[in-house]
Amino acid sequence: MPADPPRHTPPDKLSVVVFSGLFDKVHFALVMATAAAAVGRPVTLFFTMGALRALLRPGDDGIAPWRAMAVSDGDRDGGAMDDSFAALGVATFEQLLGAAAELGVRVMVCEMGLRALGLDRESLRPDLAVEEGGVVSFLNDASRHGAAVFV
């Protein structure tokens, strides 16, 4: 009788560099993070450069800046795509952020990225627990037996 093939051992942690300033890519990073956290994997999201715009505090009009983020296909903005997700029963951006917080996803923001964009901690959403750190902090947080993804 042949031996069973070796079983795949899933990564023990998910570490995601969220770099892209495109709404659909940031949305999918949140999908990956919440899915991994839901099955018991620790997750760290490290937001930098254009992706930091997804975490900006709403303007005086109450509208979140992520709604104006571009989308890969260029036909609409993040708000329009998110509205279509809601109509289709797909998790929305705000639902995913809320789930990430509930599931204990660690959210880090890149100090260098904030400075490069002329932002500071006060520019970020007050309702989201974020940690400032650098690439070294992110790498020290990652697991040797985990998966690292760049979005």
C-alpha atoms as a PDB file:
ATOM      1  CA  MET A   1       0.000   0.000   0.000  1.00  0.00           C
ATOM      2  CA  PRO A   2       1.486   3.409  -0.960  1.00  0.00           C
ATOM      3  CA  ALA A   3       2.241   5.862   1.804  1.00  0.00           C
ATOM      4  CA  ASP A   4       0.029   8.886   2.225  1.00  0.00           C
ATOM      5  CA  PRO A   5       1.484  11.989   0.601  1.00  0.00           C
ATOM      6  CA  PRO A   6       3.023  14.496   3.006  1.00  0.00           C
ATOM      7  CA  ARG A   7       0.443  16.813   4.508  1.00  0.00           C
ATOM      8  CA  HIS A   8       0.787  20.518   3.973  1.00  0.00           C
ATOM      9  CA  THR A   9       1.358  22.439   7.166  1.00  0.00           C
ATOM     10  CA  PRO A  10      -0.328  25.837   6.955  1.00  0.00           C
ATOM     11  CA  PRO A  11       1.627  28.912   8.032  1.00  0.00           C
ATOM     12  CA  ASP A  12       1.360  29.741  11.712  1.00  0.00           C
ATOM     13  CA  LYS A  13       0.918  33.477  11.053  1.00  0.00           C
ATOM     14  CA  LEU A  14      -0.010  35.840   8.239  1.00  0.00           C
ATOM     15  CA  SER A  15       1.992  39.049   7.815  1.00  0.00           C
ATOM     16  CA  VAL A  16       0.723  41.387   5.094  1.00  0.00           C
ATOM     17  CA  VAL A  17       2.430  44.491   3.730  1.00  0.00           C
ATOM     18  CA  VAL A  18      -0.452  46.625   2.449  1.00  0.00           C
ATOM     19  CA  PHE A  19       1.286  48.986   0.016  1.00  0.00           C
ATOM     20  CA  SER A  20      -1.117  49.550  -2.876  1.00  0.00           C
ATOM     21  CA  GLY A  21      -3.253  52.661  -2.927  1.00  0.00           C
ATOM     22  CA  LEU A  22      -5.953  50.865  -4.923  1.00  0.00           C
ATOM     23  CA  PHE A  23      -9.200  50.225  -3.072  1.00  0.00           C
ATOM     24  CA  ASP A  24      -9.790  46.706  -4.371  1.00  0.00           C
ATOM     25  CA  LYS A  25      -6.299  45.585  -3.352  1.00  0.00           C
ATOM     26  CA  VAL A  26      -6.632  47.016   0.159  1.00  0.00           C
ATOM     27  CA  HIS A  27     -10.110  45.462   0.409  1.00  0.00           C
ATOM     28  CA  PHE A  28      -8.680  42.060  -0.516  1.00  0.00           C
ATOM     29  CA  ALA A  29      -5.871  42.420   2.027  1.00  0.00           C
ATOM     30  CA  LEU A  30      -8.630  42.888   4.622  1.00  0.00           C
ATOM     31  CA  VAL A  31     -10.431  39.811   3.265  1.00  0.00           C
ATOM     32  CA  MET A  32      -7.263  37.715   3.628  1.00  0.00           C
ATOM     33  CA  ALA A  33      -6.565  39.070   7.101  1.00  0.00           C
ATOM     34  CA  THR A  34     -10.046  38.454   8.457  1.00  0.00           C
ATOM     35  CA  ALA A  35     -10.221  34.969   6.911  1.00  0.00           C
ATOM     36  CA  ALA A  36      -6.887  33.991   8.447  1.00  0.00           C
ATOM     37  CA  ALA A  37      -7.877  35.422  11.829  1.00  0.00           C
ATOM     38  CA  ALA A  38     -11.250  33.625  11.654  1.00  0.00           C
ATOM     39  CA  VAL A  39      -9.472  30.264  11.390  1.00  0.00           C
ATOM     40  CA  GLY A  40      -7.220  31.087  14.320  1.00  0.00           C
ATOM     41  CA  ARG A  41      -4.101  32.451  12.646  1.00  0.00           C
ATOM     42  CA  PRO A  42      -2.462  35.539  14.112  1.00  0.00           C
ATOM     43  CA  VAL A  43      -2.381  38.338  11.543  1.00  0.00           C
ATOM     44  CA  THR A  44      -0.481  41.594  11.196  1.00  0.00           C
ATOM     45  CA  LEU A  45      -1.365  44.180   8.551  1.00  0.00           C
ATOM     46  CA  PHE A  46       1.423  46.689   7.866  1.00  0.00           C
ATOM     47  CA  PHE A  47      -0.001  49.706   6.020  1.00  0.00           C
ATOM     48  CA  THR A  48       2.403  51.939   4.126  1.00  0.00           C
ATOM     49  CA  MET A  49       2.517  54.428   1.266  1.00  0.00           C
ATOM     50  CA  GLY A  50      -0.726  54.720  -0.771  1.00  0.00           C
ATOM     51  CA  ALA A  51      -2.513  52.123   1.349  1.00  0.00           C
ATOM     52  CA  LEU A  52      -2.300  54.487   4.333  1.00  0.00           C
ATOM     53  CA  ARG A  53      -5.056  56.540   2.697  1.00  0.00           C
ATOM     54  CA  ALA A  54      -7.449  53.691   3.561  1.00  0.00           C
ATOM     55  CA  LEU A  55      -6.944  54.476   7.243  1.00  0.00           C
ATOM     56  CA  LEU A  56      -7.398  58.250   7.112  1.00  0.00           C
ATOM     57  CA  ARG A  57     -10.010  59.811   9.362  1.00  0.00           C
ATOM     58  CA  PRO A  58     -13.255  60.938   7.706  1.00  0.00           C
ATOM     59  CA  GLY A  59     -13.426  64.517   6.507  1.00  0.00           C
ATOM     60  CA  ASP A  60     -15.650  67.219   7.959  1.00  0.00           C
ATOM     61  CA  ASP A  61     -18.428  65.843   5.748  1.00  0.00           C
ATOM     62  CA  GLY A  62     -18.155  62.465   7.520  1.00  0.00           C
ATOM     63  CA  ILE A  63     -17.066  60.671   4.349  1.00  0.00           C
ATOM     64  CA  ALA A  64     -14.159  58.264   4.700  1.00  0.00           C
ATOM     65  CA  PRO A  65     -11.284  59.038   2.291  1.00  0.00           C
ATOM     66  CA  TRP A  66     -11.026  55.371   1.226  1.00  0.00           C
ATOM     67  CA  ARG A  67     -14.241  55.928  -0.737  1.00  0.00           C
ATOM     68  CA  ALA A  68     -12.267  58.119  -3.170  1.00  0.00           C
ATOM     69  CA  MET A  69      -9.456  55.604  -3.667  1.00  0.00           C
ATOM     70  CA  ALA A  70      -8.967  54.430  -7.243  1.00  0.00           C
ATOM     71  CA  VAL A  71      -9.871  50.899  -8.337  1.00  0.00           C
ATOM     72  CA  SER A  72      -7.741  48.630 -10.538  1.00  0.00           C
ATOM     73  CA  ASP A  73     -10.138  48.680 -13.489  1.00  0.00           C
ATOM     74  CA  GLY A  74     -10.264  52.498 -13.409  1.00  0.00           C
ATOM     75  CA  ASP A  75     -14.008  52.566 -14.105  1.00  0.00           C
ATOM     76  CA  ARG A  76     -15.096  53.686 -10.642  1.00  0.00           C
ATOM     77  CA  ASP A  77     -13.843  54.653  -7.208  1.00  0.00           C
ATOM     78  CA  GLY A  78     -13.683  52.705  -3.981  1.00  0.00           C
ATOM     79  CA  GLY A  79     -17.022  54.038  -2.780  1.00  0.00           C
ATOM     80  CA  ALA A  80     -18.840  52.831  -5.889  1.00  0.00           C
ATOM     81  CA  MET A  81     -17.141  49.437  -5.693  1.00  0.00           C
ATOM     82  CA  ASP A  82     -17.948  49.131  -1.992  1.00  0.00           C
ATOM     83  CA  ASP A  83     -21.584  50.048  -2.656  1.00  0.00           C
ATOM     84  CA  SER A  84     -21.761  47.316  -5.307  1.00  0.00           C
ATOM     85  CA  PHE A  85     -20.216  44.851  -2.841  1.00  0.00           C
ATOM     86  CA  ALA A  86     -22.907  45.730  -0.309  1.00  0.00           C
ATOM     87  CA  ALA A  87     -25.650  45.173  -2.907  1.00  0.00           C
ATOM     88  CA  LEU A  88     -24.162  41.760  -3.747  1.00  0.00           C
ATOM     89  CA  GLY A  89     -23.815  40.700  -0.110  1.00  0.00           C
ATOM     90  CA  VAL A  90     -20.012  40.910  -0.231  1.00  0.00           C
ATOM     91  CA  ALA A  91     -18.325  42.194   2.929  1.00  0.00           C
ATOM     92  CA  THR A  92     -17.856  45.945   2.758  1.00  0.00           C
ATOM     93  CA  PHE A  93     -14.742  47.854   3.715  1.00  0.00           C
ATOM     94  CA  GLU A  94     -16.173  48.993   7.050  1.00  0.00           C
ATOM     95  CA  GLN A  95     -17.472  45.503   7.852  1.00  0.00           C
ATOM     96  CA  LEU A  96     -14.015  44.052   7.178  1.00  0.00           C
ATOM     97  CA  LEU A  97     -12.280  46.683   9.315  1.00  0.00           C
ATOM     98  CA  GLY A  98     -14.714  45.959  12.136  1.00  0.00           C
ATOM     99  CA  ALA A  99     -14.209  42.204  11.784  1.00  0.00           C
ATOM    100  CA  ALA A 100     -10.431  42.663  11.765  1.00  0.00           C
ATOM    101  CA  ALA A 101     -10.648  44.559  15.050  1.00  0.00           C
ATOM    102  CA  GLU A 102     -12.993  41.966  16.609  1.00  0.00           C
ATOM    103  CA  LEU A 103     -10.764  39.091  15.495  1.00  0.00           C
ATOM    104  CA  GLY A 104      -7.627  40.678  16.937  1.00  0.00           C
ATOM    105  CA  VAL A 105      -5.845  41.535  13.700  1.00  0.00           C
ATOM    106  CA  ARG A 106      -2.829  43.689  14.520  1.00  0.00           C
ATOM    107  CA  VAL A 107      -2.753  46.877  12.428  1.00  0.00           C
ATOM    108  CA  MET A 108       0.577  48.644  12.082  1.00  0.00           C
ATOM    109  CA  VAL A 109       1.244  51.838  10.170  1.00  0.00           C
ATOM    110  CA  CYS A 110       4.639  52.592   8.723  1.00  0.00           C
ATOM    111  CA  GLU A 111       6.314  55.609  10.320  1.00  0.00           C
ATOM    112  CA  MET A 112       8.310  56.230   7.138  1.00  0.00           C
ATOM    113  CA  GLY A 113       5.182  55.979   4.987  1.00  0.00           C
ATOM    114  CA  LEU A 114       3.354  58.488   7.171  1.00  0.00           C
ATOM    115  CA  ARG A 115       6.235  60.963   6.876  1.00  0.00           C
ATOM    116  CA  ALA A 116       6.598  60.371   3.126  1.00  0.00           C
ATOM    117  CA  LEU A 117       2.947  61.315   2.628  1.00  0.00           C
ATOM    118  CA  GLY A 118       3.045  64.242   5.062  1.00  0.00           C
ATOM    119  CA  LEU A 119       0.707  62.479   7.489  1.00  0.00           C
ATOM    120  CA  ASP A 120       0.810  61.908  11.221  1.00  0.00           C
ATOM    121  CA  ARG A 121      -1.084  59.797  13.731  1.00  0.00           C
ATOM    122  CA  GLU A 122      -3.741  62.503  14.055  1.00  0.00           C
ATOM    123  CA  SER A 123      -4.541  61.986  10.345  1.00  0.00           C
ATOM    124  CA  LEU A 124      -5.671  58.419  11.046  1.00  0.00           C
ATOM    125  CA  ARG A 125      -9.097  57.135  12.019  1.00  0.00           C
ATOM    126  CA  PRO A 126      -9.682  57.526  15.744  1.00  0.00           C
ATOM    127  CA  ASP A 127     -11.905  54.415  15.873  1.00  0.00           C
ATOM    128  CA  LEU A 128      -9.162  52.020  14.795  1.00  0.00           C
ATOM    129  CA  ALA A 129      -6.405  50.800  17.086  1.00  0.00           C
ATOM    130  CA  VAL A 130      -3.158  51.173  15.164  1.00  0.00           C
ATOM    131  CA  GLU A 131       0.463  50.861  16.158  1.00  0.00           C
ATOM    132  CA  GLU A 132       3.184  52.929  14.578  1.00  0.00           C
ATOM    133  CA  GLY A 133       6.296  51.046  13.607  1.00  0.00           C
ATOM    134  CA  GLY A 134       8.894  50.598  10.970  1.00  0.00           C
ATOM    135  CA  VAL A 135       9.921  47.818   8.664  1.00  0.00           C
ATOM    136  CA  VAL A 136      12.151  46.383  11.389  1.00  0.00           C
ATOM    137  CA  SER A 137       9.164  46.235  13.766  1.00  0.00           C
ATOM    138  CA  PHE A 138       7.114  44.470  11.094  1.00  0.00           C
ATOM    139  CA  LEU A 139       9.868  41.969  10.328  1.00  0.00           C
ATOM    140  CA  ASN A 140      10.415  41.254  14.023  1.00  0.00           C
ATOM    141  CA  ASP A 141       6.690  40.612  14.357  1.00  0.00           C
ATOM    142  CA  ALA A 142       6.611  38.140  11.454  1.00  0.00           C
ATOM    143  CA  SER A 143       6.982  34.416  12.085  1.00  0.00           C
ATOM    144  CA  ARG A 144       9.699  32.208  10.673  1.00  0.00           C
ATOM    145  CA  HIS A 145       6.991  29.646   9.942  1.00  0.00           C
ATOM    146  CA  GLY A 146       4.443  32.167   8.713  1.00  0.00           C
ATOM    147  CA  ALA A 147       3.458  33.584   5.364  1.00  0.00           C
ATOM    148  CA  ALA A 148       4.370  37.084   4.240  1.00  0.00           C
ATOM    149  CA  VAL A 149       2.302  38.692   1.501  1.00  0.00           C
ATOM    150  CA  PHE A 150       2.814  41.987  -0.339  1.00  0.00           C
ATOM    151  CA  VAL A 151      -0.364  43.679  -1.616  1.00  0.00           C
END
